[in-house]
């Protein structure tokens, strides 16, 4: 397999596929961070997480059309406005869903799985009715177009670099929220002992609602980033939900570092294998490897240590 390529070609191939893997890693991280908050900290299996991502993508699509039609002179900055709106809209919907449905299902993870799976089907049909069954795409601003040549054989797309910077920024923001803020302390206290947290004055209901909303809001930002590298359709979120759950479980539920390490490992393995094998075989081999590791280490790469 490798004999058909020179050393220089192999280096370029691995570099290009590695960078493609970093873009996929960025999308995985943005999706998995929101799910790690919801699943890892709240124990809620949110099968509609992909639909929250696609809602963020549709918000970006609408903002793109709005700017191009009514304020074209500011089109170069529309993506930043779209990201903020995607976070607010998906976060607000997430808080409503938590109040209307999820709060009645705590400590019943299988029920949350069924309920959110039904919610995902409802959201898909709403998207199909409002936006149509065909996929839509956004117009990328001129400053995101093109690529930067690193060598004569290696070029990296500017929009891919932007997505990676966004993923790093969101990861840092989530770290600060979870480990350096009062809200993060309250979330971790509730995760360790809900009854005691309520006894010392923490508003557990509001903290749960805000946690679910932030997790969904991060998924909305992931949807905005997704529009930079792919088209948006009513069922596009289902393509990522399985990989996202795999990333969270493999990294260790509730572990921020584990989520990032897991997303990097899976995305790089899948991207490099896809060049030499078919896309389906690359995914199968990646999944088999992850499943094998989880059989040996079921708690994931990084397990949180909780006091009993």
C-alpha atoms as a PDB file:
ATOM      1  CA  UNK A   1       0.000   0.000   0.000  1.00  0.00           C
ATOM      2  CA  UNK A   2       2.769   2.447   0.914  1.00  0.00           C
ATOM      3  CA  UNK A   3       5.185   1.209  -1.784  1.00  0.00           C
ATOM      4  CA  UNK A   4       3.355   3.165  -4.490  1.00  0.00           C
ATOM      5  CA  UNK A   5       4.269   6.496  -2.859  1.00  0.00           C
ATOM      6  CA  UNK A   6       7.548   8.316  -2.364  1.00  0.00           C
ATOM      7  CA  UNK A   7       8.579   9.484   1.088  1.00  0.00           C
ATOM      8  CA  UNK A   8       7.701  13.076   0.185  1.00  0.00           C
ATOM      9  CA  UNK A   9       4.251  12.070  -1.073  1.00  0.00           C
ATOM     10  CA  UNK A  10       3.586  10.025   2.046  1.00  0.00           C
ATOM     11  CA  UNK A  11       4.596  12.959   4.235  1.00  0.00           C
ATOM     12  CA  UNK A  12       2.255  15.271   2.326  1.00  0.00           C
ATOM     13  CA  UNK A  13      -0.589  12.731   2.482  1.00  0.00           C
ATOM     14  CA  UNK A  14      -0.283  12.237   6.225  1.00  0.00           C
ATOM     15  CA  UNK A  15       0.003  16.001   6.753  1.00  0.00           C
ATOM     16  CA  UNK A  16      -3.096  16.765   4.660  1.00  0.00           C
ATOM     17  CA  UNK A  17      -5.117  13.924   6.178  1.00  0.00           C
ATOM     18  CA  UNK A  18      -3.920  14.944   9.618  1.00  0.00           C
ATOM     19  CA  UNK A  19      -5.184  18.459   9.047  1.00  0.00           C
ATOM     20  CA  UNK A  20      -8.494  17.114   7.712  1.00  0.00           C
ATOM     21  CA  UNK A  21      -8.641  15.077  10.905  1.00  0.00           C
ATOM     22  CA  UNK A  22      -8.105  18.255  12.932  1.00  0.00           C
ATOM     23  CA  UNK A  23     -11.125  19.855  11.248  1.00  0.00           C
ATOM     24  CA  UNK A  24     -13.197  16.764  12.024  1.00  0.00           C
ATOM     25  CA  UNK A  25     -11.736  16.856  15.549  1.00  0.00           C
ATOM     26  CA  UNK A  26     -12.960  20.450  15.917  1.00  0.00           C
ATOM     27  CA  UNK A  27     -16.536  19.509  14.993  1.00  0.00           C
ATOM     28  CA  UNK A  28     -16.399  16.466  17.302  1.00  0.00           C
ATOM     29  CA  UNK A  29     -15.112  18.599  20.175  1.00  0.00           C
ATOM     30  CA  UNK A  30     -17.768  21.275  19.731  1.00  0.00           C
ATOM     31  CA  UNK A  31     -20.503  18.631  19.599  1.00  0.00           C
ATOM     32  CA  UNK A  32     -19.068  16.486  22.379  1.00  0.00           C
ATOM     33  CA  UNK A  33     -18.454  19.351  24.823  1.00  0.00           C
ATOM     34  CA  UNK A  34     -22.153  20.161  24.905  1.00  0.00           C
ATOM     35  CA  UNK A  35     -23.046  16.489  25.222  1.00  0.00           C
ATOM     36  CA  UNK A  36     -20.410  15.953  27.928  1.00  0.00           C
ATOM     37  CA  UNK A  37     -22.104  18.659  29.991  1.00  0.00           C
ATOM     38  CA  UNK A  38     -25.572  17.147  29.512  1.00  0.00           C
ATOM     39  CA  UNK A  39     -24.700  13.453  29.677  1.00  0.00           C
ATOM     40  CA  UNK A  40     -21.623  13.547  31.890  1.00  0.00           C
ATOM     41  CA  UNK A  41     -22.896  16.024  34.462  1.00  0.00           C
ATOM     42  CA  UNK A  42     -26.667  15.426  34.341  1.00  0.00           C
ATOM     43  CA  UNK A  43     -26.933  11.784  33.273  1.00  0.00           C
ATOM     44  CA  UNK A  44     -29.381  12.688  30.484  1.00  0.00           C
ATOM     45  CA  UNK A  45     -29.036  10.741  27.230  1.00  0.00           C
ATOM     46  CA  UNK A  46     -29.942  13.474  24.743  1.00  0.00           C
ATOM     47  CA  UNK A  47     -30.578  11.790  21.399  1.00  0.00           C
ATOM     48  CA  UNK A  48     -31.766  15.145  20.000  1.00  0.00           C
ATOM     49  CA  UNK A  49     -28.326  16.718  20.427  1.00  0.00           C
ATOM     50  CA  UNK A  50     -27.674  16.474  16.687  1.00  0.00           C
ATOM     51  CA  UNK A  51     -30.914  18.346  15.975  1.00  0.00           C
ATOM     52  CA  UNK A  52     -29.798  21.176  18.269  1.00  0.00           C
ATOM     53  CA  UNK A  53     -26.610  21.328  16.214  1.00  0.00           C
ATOM     54  CA  UNK A  54     -28.618  21.546  12.992  1.00  0.00           C
ATOM     55  CA  UNK A  55     -30.803  24.270  14.502  1.00  0.00           C
ATOM     56  CA  UNK A  56     -27.616  26.301  14.992  1.00  0.00           C
ATOM     57  CA  UNK A  57     -26.705  25.610  11.363  1.00  0.00           C
ATOM     58  CA  UNK A  58     -30.126  26.789  10.162  1.00  0.00           C
ATOM     59  CA  UNK A  59     -29.821  29.938  12.297  1.00  0.00           C
ATOM     60  CA  UNK A  60     -26.473  30.606  10.582  1.00  0.00           C
ATOM     61  CA  UNK A  61     -28.116  30.033   7.193  1.00  0.00           C
ATOM     62  CA  UNK A  62     -30.888  32.538   7.991  1.00  0.00           C
ATOM     63  CA  UNK A  63     -28.437  35.133   9.285  1.00  0.00           C
ATOM     64  CA  UNK A  64     -26.315  34.690   6.149  1.00  0.00           C
ATOM     65  CA  UNK A  65     -29.327  35.365   3.931  1.00  0.00           C
ATOM     66  CA  UNK A  66     -30.394  38.312   6.081  1.00  0.00           C
ATOM     67  CA  UNK A  67     -27.005  39.988   5.869  1.00  0.00           C
ATOM     68  CA  UNK A  68     -26.587  39.347   2.130  1.00  0.00           C
ATOM     69  CA  UNK A  69     -30.042  40.786   1.387  1.00  0.00           C
ATOM     70  CA  UNK A  70     -30.381  43.735   3.743  1.00  0.00           C
ATOM     71  CA  UNK A  71     -26.919  44.676   5.052  1.00  0.00           C
ATOM     72  CA  UNK A  72     -24.404  43.384   2.473  1.00  0.00           C
ATOM     73  CA  UNK A  73     -21.769  45.925   3.569  1.00  0.00           C
ATOM     74  CA  UNK A  74     -21.441  44.034   6.879  1.00  0.00           C
ATOM     75  CA  UNK A  75     -21.510  40.559   5.342  1.00  0.00           C
ATOM     76  CA  UNK A  76     -17.903  39.861   6.350  1.00  0.00           C
ATOM     77  CA  UNK A  77     -18.865  39.757  10.043  1.00  0.00           C
ATOM     78  CA  UNK A  78     -22.170  37.903   9.758  1.00  0.00           C
ATOM     79  CA  UNK A  79     -20.691  34.635  11.033  1.00  0.00           C
ATOM     80  CA  UNK A  80     -19.886  36.097  14.449  1.00  0.00           C
ATOM     81  CA  UNK A  81     -23.463  37.379  14.770  1.00  0.00           C
ATOM     82  CA  UNK A  82     -24.748  33.981  13.613  1.00  0.00           C
ATOM     83  CA  UNK A  83     -22.700  32.129  16.239  1.00  0.00           C
ATOM     84  CA  UNK A  84     -24.051  34.321  19.039  1.00  0.00           C
ATOM     85  CA  UNK A  85     -27.647  33.919  17.831  1.00  0.00           C
ATOM     86  CA  UNK A  86     -27.179  30.167  17.363  1.00  0.00           C
ATOM     87  CA  UNK A  87     -26.022  29.876  20.980  1.00  0.00           C
ATOM     88  CA  UNK A  88     -28.939  31.955  22.281  1.00  0.00           C
ATOM     89  CA  UNK A  89     -31.646  30.245  20.185  1.00  0.00           C
ATOM     90  CA  UNK A  90     -30.519  26.665  20.816  1.00  0.00           C
ATOM     91  CA  UNK A  91     -29.793  27.417  24.470  1.00  0.00           C
ATOM     92  CA  UNK A  92     -33.262  28.938  24.956  1.00  0.00           C
ATOM     93  CA  UNK A  93     -34.891  25.946  23.265  1.00  0.00           C
ATOM     94  CA  UNK A  94     -32.819  23.622  25.442  1.00  0.00           C
ATOM     95  CA  UNK A  95     -33.960  25.375  28.622  1.00  0.00           C
ATOM     96  CA  UNK A  96     -37.576  25.126  27.475  1.00  0.00           C
ATOM     97  CA  UNK A  97     -37.184  21.411  26.698  1.00  0.00           C
ATOM     98  CA  UNK A  98     -35.614  20.842  30.127  1.00  0.00           C
ATOM     99  CA  UNK A  99     -38.557  22.593  31.805  1.00  0.00           C
ATOM    100  CA  UNK A 100     -41.245  20.927  29.685  1.00  0.00           C
ATOM    101  CA  UNK A 101     -39.860  17.383  29.489  1.00  0.00           C
ATOM    102  CA  UNK A 102     -36.409  16.539  30.858  1.00  0.00           C
ATOM    103  CA  UNK A 103     -36.996  17.618  34.481  1.00  0.00           C
ATOM    104  CA  UNK A 104     -39.672  14.938  34.820  1.00  0.00           C
ATOM    105  CA  UNK A 105     -37.258  12.194  33.730  1.00  0.00           C
ATOM    106  CA  UNK A 106     -34.188  12.636  35.944  1.00  0.00           C
ATOM    107  CA  UNK A 107     -32.740   9.358  37.278  1.00  0.00           C
ATOM    108  CA  UNK A 108     -34.515   7.549  34.413  1.00  0.00           C
ATOM    109  CA  UNK A 109     -31.849   7.535  31.672  1.00  0.00           C
ATOM    110  CA  UNK A 110     -33.632   5.065  29.395  1.00  0.00           C
ATOM    111  CA  UNK A 111     -36.739   7.245  29.487  1.00  0.00           C
ATOM    112  CA  UNK A 112     -34.663  10.301  28.556  1.00  0.00           C
ATOM    113  CA  UNK A 113     -33.250   8.304  25.633  1.00  0.00           C
ATOM    114  CA  UNK A 114     -36.722   7.459  24.295  1.00  0.00           C
ATOM    115  CA  UNK A 115     -38.133  10.927  24.955  1.00  0.00           C
ATOM    116  CA  UNK A 116     -35.262  12.784  23.291  1.00  0.00           C
ATOM    117  CA  UNK A 117     -35.263  10.335  20.380  1.00  0.00           C
ATOM    118  CA  UNK A 118     -38.917  11.245  19.816  1.00  0.00           C
ATOM    119  CA  UNK A 119     -37.963  14.907  20.151  1.00  0.00           C
ATOM    120  CA  UNK A 120     -35.307  14.464  17.471  1.00  0.00           C
ATOM    121  CA  UNK A 121     -37.910  13.070  15.051  1.00  0.00           C
ATOM    122  CA  UNK A 122     -40.228  15.994  15.804  1.00  0.00           C
ATOM    123  CA  UNK A 123     -37.454  18.540  15.225  1.00  0.00           C
ATOM    124  CA  UNK A 124     -36.431  16.847  11.977  1.00  0.00           C
ATOM    125  CA  UNK A 125     -39.993  17.099  10.683  1.00  0.00           C
ATOM    126  CA  UNK A 126     -40.206  20.753  11.731  1.00  0.00           C
ATOM    127  CA  UNK A 127     -36.980  21.514   9.852  1.00  0.00           C
ATOM    128  CA  UNK A 128     -38.291  19.615   6.830  1.00  0.00           C
ATOM    129  CA  UNK A 129     -41.566  21.578   6.887  1.00  0.00           C
ATOM    130  CA  UNK A 130     -39.938  24.989   7.376  1.00  0.00           C
ATOM    131  CA  UNK A 131     -36.753  24.714   5.289  1.00  0.00           C
ATOM    132  CA  UNK A 132     -37.628  21.884   2.914  1.00  0.00           C
ATOM    133  CA  UNK A 133     -36.098  18.456   2.488  1.00  0.00           C
ATOM    134  CA  UNK A 134     -33.183  19.654   0.336  1.00  0.00           C
ATOM    135  CA  UNK A 135     -29.873  20.578   1.900  1.00  0.00           C
ATOM    136  CA  UNK A 136     -28.911  24.239   2.098  1.00  0.00           C
ATOM    137  CA  UNK A 137     -25.539  25.947   2.399  1.00  0.00           C
ATOM    138  CA  UNK A 138     -24.207  29.308   3.478  1.00  0.00           C
ATOM    139  CA  UNK A 139     -21.992  31.727   1.594  1.00  0.00           C
ATOM    140  CA  UNK A 140     -18.592  31.899   3.234  1.00  0.00           C
ATOM    141  CA  UNK A 141     -17.159  35.437   3.663  1.00  0.00           C
ATOM    142  CA  UNK A 142     -14.281  36.304   1.349  1.00  0.00           C
ATOM    143  CA  UNK A 143     -11.731  36.408   4.170  1.00  0.00           C
ATOM    144  CA  UNK A 144     -12.474  32.720   4.907  1.00  0.00           C
ATOM    145  CA  UNK A 145     -11.989  31.619   1.307  1.00  0.00           C
ATOM    146  CA  UNK A 146      -8.852  30.038  -0.062  1.00  0.00           C
ATOM    147  CA  UNK A 147      -6.013  28.244   1.655  1.00  0.00           C
ATOM    148  CA  UNK A 148      -2.581  28.901   3.097  1.00  0.00           C
ATOM    149  CA  UNK A 149       0.337  27.052   1.450  1.00  0.00           C
ATOM    150  CA  UNK A 150       2.661  25.496   4.007  1.00  0.00           C
ATOM    151  CA  UNK A 151       4.865  23.761   1.442  1.00  0.00           C
ATOM    152  CA  UNK A 152       4.720  23.105  -2.296  1.00  0.00           C
ATOM    153  CA  UNK A 153       2.514  20.069  -1.653  1.00  0.00           C
ATOM    154  CA  UNK A 154       0.620  21.008   1.516  1.00  0.00           C
ATOM    155  CA  UNK A 155      -2.129  23.616   1.762  1.00  0.00           C
ATOM    156  CA  UNK A 156      -4.553  24.219   4.617  1.00  0.00           C
ATOM    157  CA  UNK A 157      -8.009  25.829   4.114  1.00  0.00           C
ATOM    158  CA  UNK A 158      -8.555  29.075   5.982  1.00  0.00           C
ATOM    159  CA  UNK A 159     -12.105  28.170   7.027  1.00  0.00           C
ATOM    160  CA  UNK A 160     -10.768  24.928   8.525  1.00  0.00           C
ATOM    161  CA  UNK A 161      -8.258  26.891  10.580  1.00  0.00           C
ATOM    162  CA  UNK A 162     -11.058  29.174  11.762  1.00  0.00           C
ATOM    163  CA  UNK A 163     -13.114  26.179  12.911  1.00  0.00           C
ATOM    164  CA  UNK A 164     -10.101  24.859  14.860  1.00  0.00           C
ATOM    165  CA  UNK A 165      -9.518  28.218  16.558  1.00  0.00           C
ATOM    166  CA  UNK A 166     -13.220  28.286  17.441  1.00  0.00           C
ATOM    167  CA  UNK A 167     -13.021  24.784  18.944  1.00  0.00           C
ATOM    168  CA  UNK A 168     -10.013  25.756  21.088  1.00  0.00           C
ATOM    169  CA  UNK A 169     -11.748  28.947  22.238  1.00  0.00           C
ATOM    170  CA  UNK A 170     -14.954  27.111  23.203  1.00  0.00           C
ATOM    171  CA  UNK A 171     -12.935  24.427  25.019  1.00  0.00           C
ATOM    172  CA  UNK A 172     -11.183  27.091  27.099  1.00  0.00           C
ATOM    173  CA  UNK A 173     -14.510  28.817  27.823  1.00  0.00           C
ATOM    174  CA  UNK A 174     -16.092  25.531  28.974  1.00  0.00           C
ATOM    175  CA  UNK A 175     -13.077  24.823  31.193  1.00  0.00           C
ATOM    176  CA  UNK A 176     -13.398  28.249  32.828  1.00  0.00           C
ATOM    177  CA  UNK A 177     -17.147  27.753  33.308  1.00  0.00           C
ATOM    178  CA  UNK A 178     -16.819  24.259  34.750  1.00  0.00           C
ATOM    179  CA  UNK A 179     -13.774  24.718  36.994  1.00  0.00           C
ATOM    180  CA  UNK A 180     -13.376  28.437  37.651  1.00  0.00           C
ATOM    181  CA  UNK A 181     -16.929  29.736  38.096  1.00  0.00           C
ATOM    182  CA  UNK A 182     -19.611  29.527  40.752  1.00  0.00           C
ATOM    183  CA  UNK A 183     -21.950  27.825  38.292  1.00  0.00           C
ATOM    184  CA  UNK A 184     -19.384  25.111  37.616  1.00  0.00           C
ATOM    185  CA  UNK A 185     -18.951  24.447  41.326  1.00  0.00           C
ATOM    186  CA  UNK A 186     -22.705  24.153  41.718  1.00  0.00           C
ATOM    187  CA  UNK A 187     -22.965  21.733  38.781  1.00  0.00           C
ATOM    188  CA  UNK A 188     -20.232  19.510  40.210  1.00  0.00           C
ATOM    189  CA  UNK A 189     -21.764  19.658  43.672  1.00  0.00           C
ATOM    190  CA  UNK A 190     -25.144  18.546  42.303  1.00  0.00           C
ATOM    191  CA  UNK A 191     -23.433  15.796  40.320  1.00  0.00           C
ATOM    192  CA  UNK A 192     -21.803  14.443  43.502  1.00  0.00           C
ATOM    193  CA  UNK A 193     -24.733  14.799  45.916  1.00  0.00           C
ATOM    194  CA  UNK A 194     -27.957  16.450  44.746  1.00  0.00           C
ATOM    195  CA  UNK A 195     -29.728  16.293  48.106  1.00  0.00           C
ATOM    196  CA  UNK A 196     -26.829  17.841  50.016  1.00  0.00           C
ATOM    197  CA  UNK A 197     -26.367  20.518  47.323  1.00  0.00           C
ATOM    198  CA  UNK A 198     -30.004  21.524  47.706  1.00  0.00           C
ATOM    199  CA  UNK A 199     -29.674  21.483  51.490  1.00  0.00           C
ATOM    200  CA  UNK A 200     -26.865  24.075  51.414  1.00  0.00           C
ATOM    201  CA  UNK A 201     -28.933  26.471  49.313  1.00  0.00           C
ATOM    202  CA  UNK A 202     -28.097  25.634  45.687  1.00  0.00           C
ATOM    203  CA  UNK A 203     -31.093  26.047  43.389  1.00  0.00           C
ATOM    204  CA  UNK A 204     -30.806  22.617  41.773  1.00  0.00           C
ATOM    205  CA  UNK A 205     -33.736  23.097  39.378  1.00  0.00           C
ATOM    206  CA  UNK A 206     -32.383  26.339  37.928  1.00  0.00           C
ATOM    207  CA  UNK A 207     -28.835  24.942  37.750  1.00  0.00           C
ATOM    208  CA  UNK A 208     -30.115  21.890  35.851  1.00  0.00           C
ATOM    209  CA  UNK A 209     -32.034  24.104  33.427  1.00  0.00           C
ATOM    210  CA  UNK A 210     -29.076  26.376  32.827  1.00  0.00           C
ATOM    211  CA  UNK A 211     -26.727  23.400  32.414  1.00  0.00           C
ATOM    212  CA  UNK A 212     -28.970  21.793  29.805  1.00  0.00           C
ATOM    213  CA  UNK A 213     -29.343  25.136  28.026  1.00  0.00           C
ATOM    214  CA  UNK A 214     -25.583  25.740  27.890  1.00  0.00           C
ATOM    215  CA  UNK A 215     -24.992  22.214  26.592  1.00  0.00           C
ATOM    216  CA  UNK A 216     -27.545  22.776  23.818  1.00  0.00           C
ATOM    217  CA  UNK A 217     -26.125  26.242  23.130  1.00  0.00           C
ATOM    218  CA  UNK A 218     -22.655  24.778  22.556  1.00  0.00           C
ATOM    219  CA  UNK A 219     -24.254  22.338  20.099  1.00  0.00           C
ATOM    220  CA  UNK A 220     -25.719  25.356  18.290  1.00  0.00           C
ATOM    221  CA  UNK A 221     -22.252  26.884  17.967  1.00  0.00           C
ATOM    222  CA  UNK A 222     -21.067  23.532  16.596  1.00  0.00           C
ATOM    223  CA  UNK A 223     -23.836  23.831  14.004  1.00  0.00           C
ATOM    224  CA  UNK A 224     -22.530  27.247  12.965  1.00  0.00           C
ATOM    225  CA  UNK A 225     -19.056  25.773  12.536  1.00  0.00           C
ATOM    226  CA  UNK A 226     -20.545  22.828  10.634  1.00  0.00           C
ATOM    227  CA  UNK A 227     -21.831  25.177   7.909  1.00  0.00           C
ATOM    228  CA  UNK A 228     -18.220  26.076   7.100  1.00  0.00           C
ATOM    229  CA  UNK A 229     -17.387  22.520   6.044  1.00  0.00           C
ATOM    230  CA  UNK A 230     -20.684  20.918   4.982  1.00  0.00           C
ATOM    231  CA  UNK A 231     -24.258  21.502   3.853  1.00  0.00           C
ATOM    232  CA  UNK A 232     -27.238  21.533   6.205  1.00  0.00           C
ATOM    233  CA  UNK A 233     -30.249  19.229   5.964  1.00  0.00           C
ATOM    234  CA  UNK A 234     -33.051  18.105   8.313  1.00  0.00           C
ATOM    235  CA  UNK A 235     -31.328  14.798   9.125  1.00  0.00           C
ATOM    236  CA  UNK A 236     -27.686  15.925   9.007  1.00  0.00           C
ATOM    237  CA  UNK A 237     -27.415  15.853  12.798  1.00  0.00           C
ATOM    238  CA  UNK A 238     -27.961  12.086  12.855  1.00  0.00           C
ATOM    239  CA  UNK A 239     -24.663  11.638  11.016  1.00  0.00           C
ATOM    240  CA  UNK A 240     -22.758  12.947  14.042  1.00  0.00           C
ATOM    241  CA  UNK A 241     -24.777  11.882  17.085  1.00  0.00           C
ATOM    242  CA  UNK A 242     -23.353   8.335  17.274  1.00  0.00           C
ATOM    243  CA  UNK A 243     -19.773   9.578  16.874  1.00  0.00           C
ATOM    244  CA  UNK A 244     -20.409  12.252  19.488  1.00  0.00           C
ATOM    245  CA  UNK A 245     -21.711   9.777  22.067  1.00  0.00           C
ATOM    246  CA  UNK A 246     -18.749   7.552  21.279  1.00  0.00           C
ATOM    247  CA  UNK A 247     -16.355  10.450  21.887  1.00  0.00           C
ATOM    248  CA  UNK A 248     -17.947  11.255  25.268  1.00  0.00           C
ATOM    249  CA  UNK A 249     -18.079   7.643  26.489  1.00  0.00           C
ATOM    250  CA  UNK A 250     -14.587   6.813  25.220  1.00  0.00           C
ATOM    251  CA  UNK A 251     -13.101   9.891  26.867  1.00  0.00           C
ATOM    252  CA  UNK A 252     -14.888   9.310  30.142  1.00  0.00           C
ATOM    253  CA  UNK A 253     -18.314  10.814  30.841  1.00  0.00           C
ATOM    254  CA  UNK A 254     -17.967  14.195  32.497  1.00  0.00           C
ATOM    255  CA  UNK A 255     -14.238  14.562  31.795  1.00  0.00           C
ATOM    256  CA  UNK A 256     -13.335  17.630  29.736  1.00  0.00           C
ATOM    257  CA  UNK A 257      -9.777  16.446  29.089  1.00  0.00           C
ATOM    258  CA  UNK A 258     -11.029  12.973  28.202  1.00  0.00           C
ATOM    259  CA  UNK A 259     -13.533  14.393  25.710  1.00  0.00           C
ATOM    260  CA  UNK A 260     -10.819  16.376  23.924  1.00  0.00           C
ATOM    261  CA  UNK A 261      -8.345  13.467  23.888  1.00  0.00           C
ATOM    262  CA  UNK A 262     -11.035  11.069  22.665  1.00  0.00           C
ATOM    263  CA  UNK A 263     -12.174  13.423  19.891  1.00  0.00           C
ATOM    264  CA  UNK A 264      -8.582  13.865  18.707  1.00  0.00           C
ATOM    265  CA  UNK A 265      -7.847  10.126  18.689  1.00  0.00           C
ATOM    266  CA  UNK A 266     -11.029   9.120  16.856  1.00  0.00           C
ATOM    267  CA  UNK A 267     -10.931  11.940  14.291  1.00  0.00           C
ATOM    268  CA  UNK A 268      -7.271  11.392  13.392  1.00  0.00           C
ATOM    269  CA  UNK A 269      -7.646   7.619  13.079  1.00  0.00           C
ATOM    270  CA  UNK A 270     -10.766   7.960  10.955  1.00  0.00           C
ATOM    271  CA  UNK A 271      -9.306  10.654   8.693  1.00  0.00           C
ATOM    272  CA  UNK A 272      -6.026   8.849   7.961  1.00  0.00           C
ATOM    273  CA  UNK A 273      -7.701   5.469   7.435  1.00  0.00           C
ATOM    274  CA  UNK A 274     -10.196   7.004   5.000  1.00  0.00           C
ATOM    275  CA  UNK A 275      -7.392   7.823   2.555  1.00  0.00           C
ATOM    276  CA  UNK A 276      -6.210   4.227   2.309  1.00  0.00           C
ATOM    277  CA  UNK A 277      -9.573   2.467   2.835  1.00  0.00           C
ATOM    278  CA  UNK A 278     -13.210   3.224   2.081  1.00  0.00           C
ATOM    279  CA  UNK A 279     -15.025   5.607   4.421  1.00  0.00           C
ATOM    280  CA  UNK A 280     -17.208   2.807   5.823  1.00  0.00           C
ATOM    281  CA  UNK A 281     -14.240   0.508   6.489  1.00  0.00           C
ATOM    282  CA  UNK A 282     -12.330   3.328   8.182  1.00  0.00           C
ATOM    283  CA  UNK A 283     -15.292   3.956  10.495  1.00  0.00           C
ATOM    284  CA  UNK A 284     -15.693   0.233  11.218  1.00  0.00           C
ATOM    285  CA  UNK A 285     -12.021  -0.187  12.145  1.00  0.00           C
ATOM    286  CA  UNK A 286     -12.128   2.933  14.313  1.00  0.00           C
ATOM    287  CA  UNK A 287     -15.267   1.741  16.098  1.00  0.00           C
ATOM    288  CA  UNK A 288     -13.853  -1.742  16.661  1.00  0.00           C
ATOM    289  CA  UNK A 289     -10.688  -0.278  18.157  1.00  0.00           C
ATOM    290  CA  UNK A 290     -12.650   2.005  20.481  1.00  0.00           C
ATOM    291  CA  UNK A 291     -14.975  -0.823  21.537  1.00  0.00           C
ATOM    292  CA  UNK A 292     -11.967  -3.050  22.240  1.00  0.00           C
ATOM    293  CA  UNK A 293     -10.381  -0.393  24.435  1.00  0.00           C
ATOM    294  CA  UNK A 294     -13.674   0.187  26.280  1.00  0.00           C
ATOM    295  CA  UNK A 295     -13.904  -3.544  27.005  1.00  0.00           C
ATOM    296  CA  UNK A 296     -10.549  -3.277  28.773  1.00  0.00           C
ATOM    297  CA  UNK A 297     -11.249   0.135  30.319  1.00  0.00           C
ATOM    298  CA  UNK A 298     -15.035   0.638  30.553  1.00  0.00           C
ATOM    299  CA  UNK A 299     -14.723   3.903  32.485  1.00  0.00           C
ATOM    300  CA  UNK A 300     -13.090   5.565  29.446  1.00  0.00           C
ATOM    301  CA  UNK A 301      -9.719   7.213  29.007  1.00  0.00           C
ATOM    302  CA  UNK A 302     -10.154   9.605  31.921  1.00  0.00           C
ATOM    303  CA  UNK A 303     -12.534   8.698  34.742  1.00  0.00           C
ATOM    304  CA  UNK A 304     -13.693  11.268  37.283  1.00  0.00           C
ATOM    305  CA  UNK A 305     -12.967  10.352  40.877  1.00  0.00           C
ATOM    306  CA  UNK A 306     -15.977  11.006  43.057  1.00  0.00           C
ATOM    307  CA  UNK A 307     -16.004  10.801  46.812  1.00  0.00           C
ATOM    308  CA  UNK A 308     -18.394   8.243  48.195  1.00  0.00           C
END
